[in-house]
Amino acid sequence: MGKIKTIMTVLPLACLSLGMNSCMKSDLDDIRKELQELENQINESASQDMSVSFDSEDVFYASPAGNEIALQLPETLKESEFSSITAMVSVLEGSDVQTRGIGDKWTVNVTKPSFDANGNVVPGSAKVAIKGTEDTNLSETFILQIIISTKDGKEMTGSHFVKYTAGTIASSVTDLTDNNITHLAWKGSITAEDFEYIRTNLKLLKVADLSMAETTEIPSKAFYDAASLRKVWLSSTITIIREKAFSNTGLEYIDLANVQEFENSVFVNCKNLKSIDIPASVTTLGRWIFEGCANLKDITLHEGLTTLSASTFYGCGITEIDIPTTVSEIPDYCFGETKLTTITIPSTVKSVGFGAFFGCTDLTSANIEADLNEIPPLMFYICSSLQIVNLPESITSIGNDVFVNCPLKFENNKLVIPSKVESIGERAFSDCKSITSIELPEGLKEIKPTAFGNIENISEIVLPSTLEKMADCAFCYYNSSKLSKVTFKGTTPPEVIYNTDADGNYSKPNVEKMQSCQVYVPASAIEAYKESEWFKGTYAYDSQSYPGLTVYFNEDNLNAIE
């Protein structure tokens, strides 16, 4: 009796470039043909037809409801010759058909052949039952290998291509007769109507295996509100996930394959999602994708991503993230109210939007490598743990509310405004109470209301000669201010910017501490300052129940620069 060996063969190179699914039918046929030819050669040389075959050469799709394959053994096999039958599952990996251990993913149970009274094998009595796990998706192709050993030490073999899913395999909604399905694998074309049927009717669905679904997109709200959904595999043909496709689900894992774009709110409130790897194929991420994903700590972005959107990561649980160098803009509120602890903005970023890190209360340090033109409004608003941040020398303006309530720490507690800055916005450094001194550059033209409000420990400020406008409450807010000396280096008093509330109505500032300040100006400009509103006062606030003259500085405290 001839010994038939396990046969190794190489898949065509086309499969490597086109992918296994696109080549599967023709290439599996080629492999079968080659396997059969080699088996025939071995059998012919042994002068006996001793091989294991199957009812069909088609790929066997197995599930818990149908996982048994009948074996066709040679009619000449006798009970007196038979020793044992074994079966194992191998995996198609890379470009080779390989036999390897696959851990706990498969169990294989063999039913030995029966023999009649004459010792002849009973047809169809030998069977193999295979079972994978819920981690076995339908796009994976495996090889079931059968080996029959005879008592004289010879072997006969057979092999069959198999696929497996841990649940129901469906090609249309007509296959879905049980609404209690928990595991579903879809094979073939799937439409928006099919997704709607699944979402509406399969309320217990835990695993959706779309690895062999023929579609280019996951439609809007495909699994919206599917609270039981835990795991999803996508096919390599899916390139876009539409708005709210997985919002409000119990999703824990998703295989994103070749997705290139995520629309808005795709994973909103997926509270079980802990990590996600956005594939390198993705170029665009929409708005609010991960909002409410409080347990999502780990998001991996790859080079090639070019476009983030406003609020892309807003409200998710990430603690750190690497921004790819292919991203040139961080839009408005992009990382707002996340759990980031540190952030580096790479040099390739050209602009940052409003509130990019708004409300990141765990953020302790921000390294800005980018040559930004401005620190935009609300960029680090109420980042109440932020201590370390660098202000790029390239910036020309610092926007409104940038560092409100940030415990910033600088060397010797001294804030040095970069040399190119021309404007400092409203409340830019308000409540940054650790600052004890400020250095303002020549070239600065404007300081807006309460830019440095409620910084209690500033006792002295020097205003550059280039200053053209300054709010009357730029350095005052509460009576606790220690400001006692103000130096104006300009020979022309800066224009007064009046304080207003959020609605634009005049709001009289607390100027009591200003009136006790010693004020220093160039000797040649003393008379000009005496005649300015800084010393003559203003009636600007009369219309809002503030009668009488509002005086800022006391003329008795006016001095020439020392």
Protein backbone atom coordinates (compact mmCIF):
# COMPACT_ATOMS: atom_id res chain seq x y z
CA MET A 1 0.00 0.00 0.00
CA GLY A 2 1.43 3.34 -1.02
CA LYS A 3 2.05 6.09 1.54
CA ILE A 4 0.31 9.35 0.59
CA LYS A 5 2.10 12.39 2.03
CA THR A 6 0.63 15.71 3.19
CA ILE A 7 0.98 18.02 0.17
CA MET A 8 2.33 21.59 0.31
CA THR A 9 1.65 24.01 -2.55
CA VAL A 10 2.11 27.72 -3.28
CA LEU A 11 -0.71 30.11 -4.08
CA PRO A 12 -0.43 32.19 -7.27
CA LEU A 13 1.29 35.56 -6.83
CA ALA A 14 -1.90 37.29 -7.99
CA CYS A 15 -3.46 36.45 -4.65
CA LEU A 16 -0.82 38.47 -2.89
CA SER A 17 -1.74 41.63 -4.76
CA LEU A 18 -5.50 41.13 -5.12
CA GLY A 19 -6.26 39.55 -1.76
CA MET A 20 -7.42 36.07 -0.86
CA ASN A 21 -11.16 36.65 -1.39
CA SER A 22 -10.80 38.00 -4.92
CA CYS A 23 -8.72 35.01 -5.99
CA MET A 24 -10.38 32.37 -3.84
CA LYS A 25 -12.50 30.39 -6.27
CA SER A 26 -10.04 30.03 -9.12
CA ASP A 27 -7.04 29.60 -6.90
CA LEU A 28 -8.65 26.99 -4.68
CA ASP A 29 -9.59 25.12 -7.85
CA ASP A 30 -5.94 25.27 -8.92
CA ILE A 31 -4.79 24.01 -5.53
CA ARG A 32 -7.32 21.18 -5.63
CA LYS A 33 -6.17 20.22 -9.09
CA GLU A 34 -2.55 20.18 -8.03
CA LEU A 35 -3.33 18.23 -4.87
CA GLN A 36 -5.32 15.68 -6.86
CA GLU A 37 -2.65 15.31 -9.53
CA LEU A 38 0.04 14.70 -6.94
CA GLU A 39 -2.15 12.27 -5.04
CA ASN A 40 -2.92 10.41 -8.26
CA GLN A 41 0.78 10.19 -9.08
CA ILE A 42 1.53 8.75 -5.66
CA ASN A 43 -1.41 6.35 -5.87
CA GLU A 44 -0.43 5.17 -9.35
CA SER A 45 3.11 4.51 -8.24
CA ALA A 46 1.72 2.46 -5.32
CA SER A 47 -0.55 0.56 -7.74
CA GLN A 48 -3.49 0.95 -5.41
CA ASP A 49 -6.38 3.44 -5.16
CA MET A 50 -6.14 4.26 -1.46
CA SER A 51 -7.25 7.86 -0.74
CA VAL A 52 -9.76 9.83 1.35
CA SER A 53 -12.34 11.95 -0.49
CA PHE A 54 -15.46 14.00 0.24
CA ASP A 55 -19.01 14.30 -1.07
CA SER A 56 -18.23 17.70 -2.62
CA GLU A 57 -15.15 19.64 -3.58
CA ASP A 58 -16.84 22.96 -2.76
CA VAL A 59 -15.59 24.90 0.24
CA PHE A 60 -17.43 23.57 3.29
CA TYR A 61 -19.12 26.33 5.31
CA ALA A 62 -19.42 25.09 8.87
CA SER A 63 -21.34 26.47 11.83
CA PRO A 64 -22.51 25.04 15.16
CA ALA A 65 -25.71 23.94 13.40
CA GLY A 66 -23.88 22.15 10.59
CA ASN A 67 -20.29 21.20 11.18
CA GLU A 68 -20.02 17.54 10.22
CA ILE A 69 -18.37 16.23 7.04
CA ALA A 70 -18.82 12.65 5.83
CA LEU A 71 -15.67 10.96 4.53
CA GLN A 72 -15.52 8.68 1.53
CA LEU A 73 -13.00 5.93 2.25
CA PRO A 74 -11.68 3.41 -0.28
CA GLU A 75 -14.04 0.48 -0.69
CA THR A 76 -11.03 -1.81 -0.48
CA LEU A 77 -10.24 -0.72 3.10
CA LYS A 78 -10.67 -3.74 5.40
CA GLU A 79 -11.28 -3.83 9.10
CA SER A 80 -8.25 -6.07 9.43
CA GLU A 81 -6.06 -3.37 7.89
CA PHE A 82 -7.48 -0.29 9.65
CA SER A 83 -5.49 1.12 12.55
CA SER A 84 -6.54 4.75 13.20
CA ILE A 85 -7.99 7.94 11.76
CA THR A 86 -6.81 11.43 12.68
CA ALA A 87 -7.84 14.92 11.56
CA MET A 88 -6.36 18.36 11.94
CA VAL A 89 -7.13 21.86 10.79
CA SER A 90 -4.47 23.95 9.02
CA VAL A 91 -4.63 27.57 7.98
CA LEU A 92 -3.97 29.34 4.70
CA GLU A 93 -1.27 31.77 5.72
CA GLY A 94 0.61 34.15 3.43
CA SER A 95 1.39 32.51 0.10
CA ASP A 96 1.68 28.91 1.35
CA VAL A 97 -0.68 26.23 2.52
CA GLN A 98 0.84 25.51 5.90
CA THR A 99 0.13 23.16 8.75
CA ARG A 100 0.57 24.82 12.09
CA GLY A 101 -0.89 24.78 15.57
CA ILE A 102 -3.75 27.22 15.95
CA GLY A 103 -4.16 27.06 19.70
CA ASP A 104 -7.66 26.86 21.10
CA LYS A 105 -9.35 28.17 18.00
CA TRP A 106 -10.48 24.78 16.74
CA THR A 107 -11.74 21.48 18.10
CA VAL A 108 -11.88 18.46 15.79
CA ASN A 109 -13.83 15.30 16.60
CA VAL A 110 -13.51 12.16 14.48
CA THR A 111 -16.03 9.32 14.12
CA LYS A 112 -14.20 6.14 13.16
CA PRO A 113 -15.46 4.09 10.19
CA SER A 114 -17.77 1.13 10.77
CA PHE A 115 -17.27 -2.23 9.09
CA ASP A 116 -19.85 -4.85 8.12
CA ALA A 117 -19.84 -8.53 9.00
CA ASN A 118 -17.43 -9.22 6.16
CA GLY A 119 -14.95 -6.58 7.37
CA ASN A 120 -15.79 -4.12 4.57
CA VAL A 121 -16.00 -0.40 5.35
CA VAL A 122 -19.56 0.95 5.67
CA PRO A 123 -19.89 3.93 3.24
CA GLY A 124 -20.34 7.30 4.98
CA SER A 125 -19.72 5.93 8.47
CA ALA A 126 -16.49 7.90 8.97
CA LYS A 127 -17.14 11.54 9.83
CA VAL A 128 -15.34 14.61 11.07
CA ALA A 129 -16.98 17.39 13.10
CA ILE A 130 -15.15 20.73 13.28
CA LYS A 131 -15.75 23.69 15.53
CA GLY A 132 -14.01 27.03 15.77
CA THR A 133 -14.68 29.90 18.15
CA GLU A 134 -16.47 33.22 17.82
CA ASP A 135 -13.07 34.65 16.83
CA THR A 136 -13.13 32.58 13.62
CA ASN A 137 -14.45 34.84 10.88
CA LEU A 138 -15.89 33.74 7.57
CA SER A 139 -13.18 35.26 5.40
CA GLU A 140 -10.56 32.89 6.81
CA THR A 141 -10.04 29.71 4.80
CA PHE A 142 -8.68 26.59 6.46
CA ILE A 143 -7.72 23.11 5.33
CA LEU A 144 -9.12 20.03 7.02
CA GLN A 145 -6.59 17.21 6.65
CA ILE A 146 -7.50 13.56 7.21
CA ILE A 147 -4.93 10.80 7.76
CA ILE A 148 -5.86 7.11 7.90
CA SER A 149 -3.16 4.77 9.16
CA THR A 150 -3.04 1.05 8.51
CA LYS A 151 -1.69 -1.61 10.76
CA ASP A 152 1.37 -2.07 8.57
CA GLY A 153 2.35 1.58 9.09
CA LYS A 154 1.13 3.05 5.80
CA GLU A 155 -1.07 6.14 5.42
CA MET A 156 -3.70 7.56 3.12
CA THR A 157 -4.69 11.22 3.22
CA GLY A 158 -7.29 13.65 2.01
CA SER A 159 -7.85 17.38 2.39
CA HIS A 160 -10.76 19.78 2.14
CA PHE A 161 -11.11 23.57 2.25
CA VAL A 162 -13.36 24.75 5.09
CA LYS A 163 -14.71 28.01 6.50
CA TYR A 164 -16.40 28.50 9.83
CA THR A 165 -18.62 30.88 11.74
CA ALA A 166 -19.77 30.59 15.34
CA GLY A 167 -23.36 31.36 14.35
CA THR A 168 -25.80 31.64 11.49
CA ILE A 169 -24.59 32.07 7.91
CA ALA A 170 -26.95 34.20 5.83
CA SER A 171 -26.99 35.40 2.25
CA SER A 172 -30.31 37.21 2.50
CA VAL A 173 -32.85 38.17 5.16
CA THR A 174 -34.90 35.10 4.19
CA ASP A 175 -32.21 33.04 5.94
CA LEU A 176 -32.94 34.85 9.20
CA THR A 177 -35.86 32.91 10.63
CA ASP A 178 -34.83 33.20 14.29
CA ASN A 179 -34.71 36.65 15.89
CA ASN A 180 -32.73 35.21 18.82
CA ILE A 181 -29.54 34.96 16.73
CA THR A 182 -26.47 36.09 18.66
CA HIS A 183 -23.77 35.36 16.01
CA LEU A 184 -24.32 36.22 12.36
CA ALA A 185 -22.03 35.83 9.35
CA TRP A 186 -23.14 37.41 6.07
CA LYS A 187 -22.04 35.89 2.76
CA GLY A 188 -22.51 37.86 -0.47
CA SER A 189 -24.29 41.09 -1.35
CA ILE A 190 -25.75 43.11 1.53
CA THR A 191 -27.91 46.22 1.14
CA ALA A 192 -29.01 49.10 3.34
CA GLU A 193 -32.37 47.33 3.66
CA ASP A 194 -30.60 44.20 4.95
CA PHE A 195 -28.81 46.28 7.59
CA GLU A 196 -32.11 47.86 8.58
CA TYR A 197 -33.70 44.42 9.00
CA ILE A 198 -30.79 43.21 11.14
CA ARG A 199 -30.86 46.34 13.33
CA THR A 200 -34.62 46.24 13.78
CA ASN A 201 -35.10 42.52 14.38
CA LEU A 202 -31.93 40.93 15.77
CA LYS A 203 -32.01 42.52 19.22
CA LEU A 204 -29.70 39.89 20.78
CA LEU A 205 -26.96 40.09 18.14
CA LYS A 206 -23.50 39.99 19.73
CA VAL A 207 -21.18 39.22 16.80
CA ALA A 208 -21.59 40.51 13.23
CA ASP A 209 -19.17 38.85 10.81
CA LEU A 210 -19.21 40.92 7.61
CA SER A 211 -15.84 39.66 6.40
CA MET A 212 -17.44 38.11 3.29
CA ALA A 213 -20.17 40.71 2.78
CA GLU A 214 -20.12 42.32 -0.65
CA THR A 215 -20.49 46.06 -0.02
CA THR A 216 -18.33 49.17 -0.05
CA GLU A 217 -19.87 50.88 2.98
CA ILE A 218 -21.53 50.50 6.34
CA PRO A 219 -24.62 52.71 5.96
CA SER A 220 -25.79 55.38 8.39
CA LYS A 221 -27.19 53.96 11.64
CA ALA A 222 -26.50 50.41 10.46
CA PHE A 223 -26.26 49.11 14.04
CA TYR A 224 -27.53 52.22 15.85
CA ASP A 225 -28.75 51.45 19.40
CA ALA A 226 -27.77 47.76 19.11
CA ALA A 227 -26.92 47.50 22.80
CA SER A 228 -26.00 43.80 22.67
CA LEU A 229 -23.47 44.16 19.83
CA ARG A 230 -19.93 43.34 20.98
CA LYS A 231 -17.78 42.33 18.00
CA VAL A 232 -17.69 43.18 14.28
CA TRP A 233 -15.52 42.05 11.37
CA LEU A 234 -15.57 44.05 8.15
CA SER A 235 -14.69 42.92 4.66
CA SER A 236 -11.75 44.34 2.75
CA THR A 237 -14.16 45.98 0.27
CA ILE A 238 -15.62 48.36 2.85
CA THR A 239 -14.00 51.79 2.50
CA ILE A 240 -16.37 54.11 4.35
CA ILE A 241 -18.39 53.94 7.56
CA ARG A 242 -21.34 56.30 7.49
CA GLU A 243 -22.74 58.54 10.20
CA LYS A 244 -23.76 56.93 13.53
CA ALA A 245 -23.22 53.43 12.15
CA PHE A 246 -22.24 52.00 15.55
CA SER A 247 -23.51 54.72 17.90
CA ASN A 248 -24.98 53.62 21.25
CA THR A 249 -23.86 50.00 20.87
CA GLY A 250 -21.98 47.75 23.29
CA LEU A 251 -19.15 47.41 20.79
CA GLU A 252 -15.89 46.07 22.24
CA TYR A 253 -13.94 45.18 19.09
CA ILE A 254 -14.05 45.99 15.39
CA ASP A 255 -11.76 44.87 12.59
CA LEU A 256 -11.61 47.87 10.28
CA ALA A 257 -9.85 46.19 7.33
CA ASN A 258 -9.45 48.71 4.50
CA VAL A 259 -11.68 51.55 5.71
CA GLN A 260 -10.59 54.92 4.35
CA GLU A 261 -13.11 57.33 5.89
CA PHE A 262 -15.24 57.69 9.00
CA GLU A 263 -18.19 60.05 8.88
CA ASN A 264 -19.59 61.89 11.92
CA SER A 265 -20.54 60.22 15.21
CA VAL A 266 -19.64 56.69 14.09
CA PHE A 267 -18.87 55.33 17.58
CA VAL A 268 -20.71 57.80 19.83
CA ASN A 269 -21.40 56.37 23.31
CA CYS A 270 -19.67 53.03 22.67
CA LYS A 271 -18.83 52.78 26.35
CA ASN A 272 -17.32 49.28 26.11
CA LEU A 273 -14.78 50.26 23.47
CA LYS A 274 -11.33 50.35 25.13
CA SER A 275 -8.89 50.51 22.22
CA ILE A 276 -9.04 51.04 18.50
CA ASP A 277 -6.47 51.03 15.72
CA ILE A 278 -7.42 53.41 12.90
CA PRO A 279 -5.82 51.69 9.87
CA ALA A 280 -3.23 53.37 7.68
CA SER A 281 -5.76 53.38 4.83
CA VAL A 282 -7.85 56.02 6.64
CA THR A 283 -7.39 59.58 5.37
CA THR A 284 -10.40 61.31 6.95
CA LEU A 285 -12.04 61.26 10.38
CA GLY A 286 -15.37 63.03 10.88
CA ARG A 287 -16.83 64.90 13.86
CA TRP A 288 -17.72 63.49 17.30
CA ILE A 289 -16.63 60.01 16.25
CA PHE A 290 -15.72 58.90 19.77
CA GLU A 291 -17.83 61.25 21.90
CA GLY A 292 -19.00 59.52 25.06
CA CYS A 293 -16.54 56.62 24.67
CA ALA A 294 -15.43 57.14 28.25
CA ASN A 295 -13.42 53.90 28.48
CA LEU A 296 -11.62 54.33 25.18
CA LYS A 297 -8.08 54.86 26.46
CA ASP A 298 -6.03 53.88 23.42
CA ILE A 299 -6.44 55.20 19.87
CA THR A 300 -3.73 54.50 17.31
CA LEU A 301 -3.39 56.82 14.32
CA HIS A 302 -1.08 56.10 11.39
CA GLU A 303 0.90 58.16 8.92
CA GLY A 304 -1.32 58.87 5.92
CA LEU A 305 -4.18 60.33 7.93
CA THR A 306 -4.59 63.87 6.59
CA THR A 307 -7.91 65.22 7.87
CA LEU A 308 -9.28 65.55 11.37
CA SER A 309 -12.58 67.33 11.92
CA ALA A 310 -14.04 69.60 14.57
CA SER A 311 -14.62 67.59 17.77
CA THR A 312 -13.28 64.33 16.28
CA PHE A 313 -12.15 62.99 19.67
CA TYR A 314 -14.37 65.19 21.84
CA GLY A 315 -15.34 63.61 25.15
CA CYS A 316 -13.54 60.26 24.80
CA GLY A 317 -11.25 58.64 27.37
CA ILE A 318 -7.88 58.77 25.57
CA THR A 319 -4.93 59.55 27.84
CA GLU A 320 -2.31 60.00 25.13
CA ILE A 321 -2.11 60.08 21.35
CA ASP A 322 0.51 60.50 18.63
CA ILE A 323 -0.60 62.94 15.94
CA PRO A 324 0.71 61.77 12.53
CA THR A 325 2.99 64.13 10.64
CA THR A 326 0.58 63.95 7.69
CA VAL A 327 -1.98 65.94 9.72
CA SER A 328 -1.61 69.69 9.07
CA GLU A 329 -4.56 71.04 11.09
CA ILE A 330 -6.06 70.34 14.50
CA PRO A 331 -9.60 71.70 14.12
CA ASP A 332 -11.94 73.32 16.65
CA TYR A 333 -12.54 71.29 19.86
CA CYS A 334 -10.81 68.30 18.26
CA PHE A 335 -9.57 66.87 21.60
CA GLY A 336 -11.95 68.77 23.87
CA GLU A 337 -12.83 67.21 27.24
CA THR A 338 -10.68 64.11 26.70
CA LYS A 339 -8.52 62.48 29.38
CA LEU A 340 -5.22 63.42 27.75
CA THR A 341 -2.35 63.80 30.21
CA THR A 342 0.29 64.97 27.74
CA ILE A 343 0.24 66.16 24.15
CA THR A 344 2.82 66.99 21.50
CA ILE A 345 1.75 69.10 18.53
CA PRO A 346 4.25 68.16 15.80
CA SER A 347 6.09 70.67 13.65
CA THR A 348 4.06 69.61 10.60
CA VAL A 349 0.85 71.09 12.07
CA LYS A 350 0.19 74.51 10.53
CA SER A 351 -2.87 75.61 12.48
CA VAL A 352 -4.90 74.79 15.57
CA GLY A 353 -8.59 75.63 15.99
CA PHE A 354 -10.74 77.06 18.80
CA GLY A 355 -10.82 74.99 21.98
CA ALA A 356 -8.66 72.22 20.53
CA PHE A 357 -7.93 70.95 24.07
CA PHE A 358 -10.88 72.62 25.80
CA GLY A 359 -11.58 71.22 29.28
CA CYS A 360 -8.83 68.57 29.30
CA THR A 361 -8.64 68.60 33.07
CA ASP A 362 -6.03 65.81 33.26
CA LEU A 363 -3.62 67.50 30.85
CA THR A 364 -0.36 68.33 32.65
CA SER A 365 1.98 69.26 29.77
CA ALA A 366 1.74 70.46 26.19
CA ASN A 367 4.73 70.51 23.87
CA ILE A 368 4.07 72.78 20.88
CA GLU A 369 6.66 71.99 18.20
CA ALA A 370 4.59 73.64 15.47
CA ASP A 371 5.40 77.15 14.28
CA LEU A 372 1.90 78.47 14.88
CA ASN A 373 0.84 82.02 14.05
CA GLU A 374 -1.51 82.16 17.02
CA ILE A 375 -2.56 80.40 20.15
CA PRO A 376 -6.27 80.24 19.29
CA PRO A 377 -9.13 81.08 21.66
CA LEU A 378 -10.03 78.48 24.29
CA MET A 379 -7.13 76.23 23.24
CA PHE A 380 -6.42 75.11 26.82
CA TYR A 381 -9.51 76.54 28.53
CA ILE A 382 -9.95 75.16 32.07
CA CYS A 383 -7.14 72.64 31.66
CA SER A 384 -6.95 72.75 35.42
CA SER A 385 -3.87 70.49 35.68
CA LEU A 386 -1.80 72.12 32.92
CA GLN A 387 1.52 73.23 34.33
CA ILE A 388 4.03 72.92 31.51
CA VAL A 389 3.55 74.58 28.14
CA ASN A 390 5.84 76.36 25.73
CA LEU A 391 4.77 79.41 23.78
CA PRO A 392 6.31 79.23 20.27
CA GLU A 393 8.37 82.23 19.19
CA SER A 394 6.41 82.26 15.93
CA ILE A 395 3.09 83.35 17.45
CA THR A 396 1.78 86.87 16.85
CA SER A 397 -1.40 86.62 18.93
CA ILE A 398 -2.76 84.85 21.98
CA GLY A 399 -6.54 84.41 21.78
CA ASN A 400 -9.37 84.79 24.25
CA ASP A 401 -9.64 82.36 27.20
CA VAL A 402 -6.59 80.33 26.16
CA PHE A 403 -5.21 79.48 29.61
CA VAL A 404 -8.12 80.28 31.94
CA ASN A 405 -7.62 78.57 35.30
CA CYS A 406 -4.41 76.78 34.26
CA PRO A 407 -1.80 76.42 37.04
CA LEU A 408 1.02 77.30 34.64
CA LYS A 409 4.54 77.08 35.98
CA PHE A 410 7.41 79.02 34.45
CA GLU A 411 10.97 79.56 35.56
CA ASN A 412 10.91 81.82 38.62
CA ASN A 413 7.13 82.04 38.08
CA LYS A 414 7.78 84.59 35.34
CA LEU A 415 5.62 84.60 32.21
CA VAL A 416 7.60 85.77 29.17
CA ILE A 417 5.40 86.66 26.20
CA PRO A 418 7.17 85.79 22.90
CA SER A 419 8.74 88.66 20.98
CA LYS A 420 6.39 88.63 17.96
CA VAL A 421 3.12 88.77 19.89
CA GLU A 422 1.03 91.84 19.01
CA SER A 423 -2.26 91.00 20.74
CA ILE A 424 -3.28 89.25 23.97
CA GLY A 425 -6.94 88.24 24.14
CA GLU A 426 -9.63 88.50 26.77
CA ARG A 427 -9.03 86.39 29.87
CA ALA A 428 -6.05 84.79 28.09
CA PHE A 429 -4.20 84.14 31.38
CA SER A 430 -7.03 84.82 33.81
CA ASP A 431 -6.77 82.91 37.11
CA CYS A 432 -3.25 81.64 36.34
CA LYS A 433 -2.43 82.32 39.96
CA SER A 434 1.08 80.85 40.04
CA ILE A 435 2.40 83.70 37.87
CA THR A 436 4.15 86.40 39.90
CA SER A 437 5.70 88.50 37.10
CA ILE A 438 5.15 89.17 33.41
CA GLU A 439 7.51 90.31 30.68
CA LEU A 440 5.78 91.95 27.70
CA PRO A 441 7.65 92.44 24.40
CA GLU A 442 8.24 95.58 22.43
CA GLY A 443 5.90 95.21 19.46
CA LEU A 444 2.88 94.35 21.58
CA LYS A 445 -0.05 96.52 20.46
CA GLU A 446 -3.13 95.37 22.35
CA ILE A 447 -4.11 93.86 25.70
CA LYS A 448 -7.81 92.96 25.97
CA PRO A 449 -10.10 92.88 29.04
CA THR A 450 -8.94 90.80 32.04
CA ALA A 451 -6.15 89.29 29.94
CA PHE A 452 -4.30 88.86 33.25
CA GLY A 453 -7.30 89.12 35.53
CA ASN A 454 -7.34 87.63 39.01
CA ILE A 455 -3.61 86.91 39.08
CA GLU A 456 -3.22 87.94 42.67
CA ASN A 457 0.54 88.06 43.08
CA ILE A 458 1.58 90.45 40.28
CA SER A 459 2.89 93.55 41.98
CA GLU A 460 4.46 95.38 39.04
CA ILE A 461 3.95 95.57 35.28
CA VAL A 462 5.91 97.31 32.51
CA LEU A 463 3.96 98.15 29.37
CA PRO A 464 5.93 98.41 26.08
CA SER A 465 6.23 101.64 24.12
CA THR A 466 4.38 100.05 21.17
CA LEU A 467 1.16 99.49 23.14
CA GLU A 468 -1.77 101.12 21.31
CA LYS A 469 -4.81 99.74 23.16
CA MET A 470 -5.32 98.34 26.63
CA ALA A 471 -8.44 97.32 28.52
CA ASP A 472 -9.15 99.27 31.66
CA CYS A 473 -9.42 95.91 33.48
CA ALA A 474 -6.46 94.16 31.83
CA PHE A 475 -4.76 93.56 35.19
CA CYS A 476 -7.57 94.03 37.68
CA TYR A 477 -10.47 91.87 38.65
CA TYR A 478 -10.79 91.41 42.38
CA ASN A 479 -9.71 93.52 45.34
CA SER A 480 -7.13 90.87 46.21
CA SER A 481 -4.80 92.17 43.49
CA LYS A 482 -1.31 93.16 44.70
CA LEU A 483 -0.60 95.41 41.71
CA SER A 484 1.16 98.51 43.04
CA LYS A 485 3.30 99.82 40.16
CA VAL A 486 2.53 100.34 36.48
CA THR A 487 5.03 101.69 33.93
CA PHE A 488 3.91 103.06 30.56
CA LYS A 489 6.94 103.26 28.25
CA GLY A 490 5.04 104.85 25.36
CA THR A 491 4.92 108.59 24.91
CA THR A 492 1.30 108.34 23.70
CA PRO A 493 -1.19 106.97 26.22
CA PRO A 494 -2.83 103.77 24.88
CA GLU A 495 -6.49 103.89 23.94
CA VAL A 496 -8.84 102.53 26.62
CA ILE A 497 -10.78 99.33 25.80
CA TYR A 498 -13.91 99.25 27.95
CA ASN A 499 -14.97 96.12 29.76
CA THR A 500 -18.11 94.36 28.51
CA ASP A 501 -20.00 91.25 29.51
CA ALA A 502 -20.69 88.19 27.36
CA ASP A 503 -23.62 89.98 25.71
CA GLY A 504 -21.56 93.02 24.81
CA ASN A 505 -23.00 95.24 27.52
CA TYR A 506 -20.67 97.52 29.44
CA SER A 507 -19.59 95.96 32.72
CA LYS A 508 -17.77 98.29 35.11
CA PRO A 509 -14.46 96.80 36.30
CA ASN A 510 -13.17 96.85 39.84
CA VAL A 511 -10.62 99.71 39.73
CA GLU A 512 -10.07 100.31 43.43
CA LYS A 513 -6.55 98.85 43.43
CA MET A 514 -5.62 100.79 40.29
CA GLN A 515 -6.27 104.09 42.04
CA SER A 516 -3.57 103.35 44.60
CA CYS A 517 -0.94 102.27 42.03
CA GLN A 518 2.17 104.30 41.42
CA VAL A 519 2.24 105.11 37.70
CA TYR A 520 5.43 105.86 35.76
CA VAL A 521 5.52 107.43 32.28
CA PRO A 522 8.18 109.16 30.14
CA ALA A 523 8.90 112.63 31.54
CA SER A 524 7.99 114.22 28.21
CA ALA A 525 4.56 112.58 28.30
CA ILE A 526 3.38 113.37 31.81
CA GLU A 527 0.94 116.07 30.65
CA ALA A 528 -0.43 113.82 27.90
CA TYR A 529 -1.18 111.08 30.43
CA LYS A 530 -2.79 113.60 32.84
CA GLU A 531 -5.22 114.57 30.09
CA SER A 532 -5.97 110.97 29.09
CA GLU A 533 -8.91 108.90 30.32
CA TRP A 534 -6.51 106.92 32.48
CA PHE A 535 -6.38 109.93 34.82
CA LYS A 536 -9.39 112.08 33.83
CA GLY A 537 -11.81 109.16 33.98
CA THR A 538 -14.78 108.18 31.81
CA TYR A 539 -18.57 108.22 31.81
CA ALA A 540 -18.69 105.14 29.56
CA TYR A 541 -20.43 103.07 32.22
CA ASP A 542 -23.18 105.59 33.08
CA SER A 543 -25.73 103.90 30.83
CA GLN A 544 -25.60 100.68 32.82
CA SER A 545 -26.45 101.97 36.31
CA TYR A 546 -22.93 103.15 37.04
CA PRO A 547 -23.47 106.90 37.60
CA GLY A 548 -20.60 109.25 38.00
CA LEU A 549 -17.08 109.39 36.73
CA THR A 550 -15.02 106.18 36.65
CA VAL A 551 -11.41 107.07 37.48
CA TYR A 552 -8.60 104.57 36.93
CA PHE A 553 -5.35 106.14 38.18
CA ASN A 554 -4.80 108.91 40.70
CA GLU A 555 -2.88 111.92 39.35
CA ASP A 556 -1.14 112.26 42.71
CA ASN A 557 0.61 108.95 41.99
CA LEU A 558 1.91 109.95 38.53
CA ASN A 559 5.72 109.92 38.18
CA ALA A 560 8.42 110.22 35.56
CA ILE A 561 10.13 106.92 34.63
CA GLU A 562 12.98 106.29 37.02
